[in-house]
Amino acid sequence: MDNIHASACNGFEEEGVMIAAASEAIWDDKGACGRMYKVRCIGGTNQGVSNPCRGGGSIVVKIVDLCPSPGCRGTIDLSQEAFAMIADPNEGKINIKFTQ
């Protein structure tokens, strides 16, 4: 069986790869569903790669899910594909700036 689970916003609807889950801090009782956020890597968390940010640019992701505590320790949990566009995937966790 696949490890696919329904998103908190749209069930099993295909949303592409430029997606993210919102922490409870920005979830807004499902109000975050569909919101687009511009996200930029601003540095590492001193847990891995010394210079994790890639390219200095930003990406735009769509919120499609909830990332509840305690598993979500940040504000936005990026898909693997989105994360890899702005940071070294080996870092795992980065500091970001984001705007809606």
Protein backbone atom coordinates (compact mmCIF):
# COMPACT_ATOMS: atom_id res chain seq x y z
CA MET A 1 0.00 0.00 0.00
CA ASP A 2 1.22 3.52 -0.80
CA ASN A 3 2.21 6.07 1.86
CA ILE A 4 -0.24 8.55 0.36
CA HIS A 5 -2.56 10.33 2.75
CA ALA A 6 -5.32 12.80 2.19
CA SER A 7 -4.43 16.45 2.67
CA ALA A 8 -6.36 18.46 5.25
CA CYS A 9 -7.44 20.90 2.53
CA ASN A 10 -8.42 18.90 -0.53
CA GLY A 11 -8.34 15.20 0.27
CA PHE A 12 -6.61 13.24 -2.48
CA GLU A 13 -6.78 16.00 -5.11
CA GLU A 14 -3.51 16.35 -7.06
CA GLU A 15 -1.84 19.67 -6.20
CA GLY A 16 1.54 19.34 -7.96
CA VAL A 17 4.90 19.53 -6.20
CA MET A 18 5.17 23.22 -5.25
CA ILE A 19 3.12 22.67 -2.12
CA ALA A 20 3.47 23.01 1.64
CA ALA A 21 1.79 22.31 4.93
CA ALA A 22 0.97 25.15 7.33
CA SER A 23 1.77 25.01 11.02
CA GLU A 24 -0.98 25.76 13.49
CA ALA A 25 0.47 29.30 13.76
CA ILE A 26 -0.76 30.18 10.25
CA TRP A 27 -3.40 27.45 9.73
CA ASP A 28 -6.28 29.87 10.54
CA ASP A 29 -8.86 27.09 11.06
CA LYS A 30 -8.38 25.89 7.46
CA GLY A 31 -8.28 29.48 6.18
CA ALA A 32 -4.70 28.88 4.98
CA CYS A 33 -5.88 26.30 2.44
CA GLY A 34 -5.04 27.51 -1.05
CA ARG A 35 -2.99 30.48 0.15
CA MET A 36 0.17 31.10 -1.82
CA TYR A 37 3.38 31.93 0.04
CA LYS A 38 6.65 33.25 -1.33
CA VAL A 39 9.41 31.47 0.60
CA ARG A 40 13.13 32.23 0.73
CA CYS A 41 15.93 30.39 2.54
CA ILE A 42 17.85 32.74 4.85
CA GLY A 43 20.17 30.26 6.54
CA GLY A 44 20.73 26.95 8.20
CA THR A 45 19.83 25.79 11.66
CA ASN A 46 23.40 24.71 12.52
CA GLN A 47 22.31 21.09 12.36
CA GLY A 48 23.90 20.05 9.09
CA VAL A 49 25.21 21.73 5.97
CA SER A 50 27.23 24.92 6.55
CA ASN A 51 25.70 26.87 3.62
CA PRO A 52 22.36 25.21 2.89
CA CYS A 53 20.68 27.96 0.84
CA ARG A 54 20.70 27.58 -2.94
CA GLY A 55 20.62 30.32 -5.52
CA GLY A 56 19.45 33.12 -3.25
CA GLY A 57 16.04 33.10 -4.90
CA SER A 58 12.60 32.32 -3.66
CA ILE A 59 9.82 29.95 -4.56
CA VAL A 60 6.03 30.17 -4.38
CA VAL A 61 4.14 27.32 -2.73
CA LYS A 62 0.48 26.59 -2.15
CA ILE A 63 -0.76 25.50 1.28
CA VAL A 64 -2.54 22.16 0.92
CA ASP A 65 -2.22 20.59 4.36
CA LEU A 66 -1.85 21.08 8.10
CA CYS A 67 1.43 20.27 9.83
CA PRO A 68 0.36 19.86 13.47
CA SER A 69 2.54 20.09 16.59
CA PRO A 70 4.77 18.55 17.77
CA GLY A 71 5.90 17.22 14.38
CA CYS A 72 5.85 20.63 12.76
CA ARG A 73 8.41 22.80 14.51
CA GLY A 74 8.34 25.62 11.98
CA THR A 75 5.79 27.75 10.21
CA ILE A 76 5.76 26.09 6.78
CA ASP A 77 6.70 22.51 5.91
CA LEU A 78 7.76 22.46 2.25
CA SER A 79 7.40 19.50 -0.09
CA GLN A 80 10.72 17.76 -0.83
CA GLU A 81 10.72 19.23 -4.34
CA ALA A 82 10.09 22.79 -3.16
CA PHE A 83 12.71 22.51 -0.40
CA ALA A 84 15.33 21.25 -2.89
CA MET A 85 14.82 24.34 -5.07
CA ILE A 86 15.94 26.74 -2.32
CA ALA A 87 18.14 24.59 -0.06
CA ASP A 88 20.36 21.54 0.10
CA PRO A 89 18.04 18.60 0.89
CA ASN A 90 20.67 17.20 3.26
CA GLU A 91 20.00 20.10 5.64
CA GLY A 92 16.47 18.95 6.38
CA LYS A 93 15.48 22.13 8.22
CA ILE A 94 16.26 25.76 7.33
CA ASN A 95 15.39 29.25 8.47
CA ILE A 96 13.04 30.99 6.05
CA LYS A 97 11.36 34.30 5.36
CA PHE A 98 7.92 34.11 3.82
CA THR A 99 5.15 36.42 2.66
CA GLN A 100 1.65 35.68 1.52
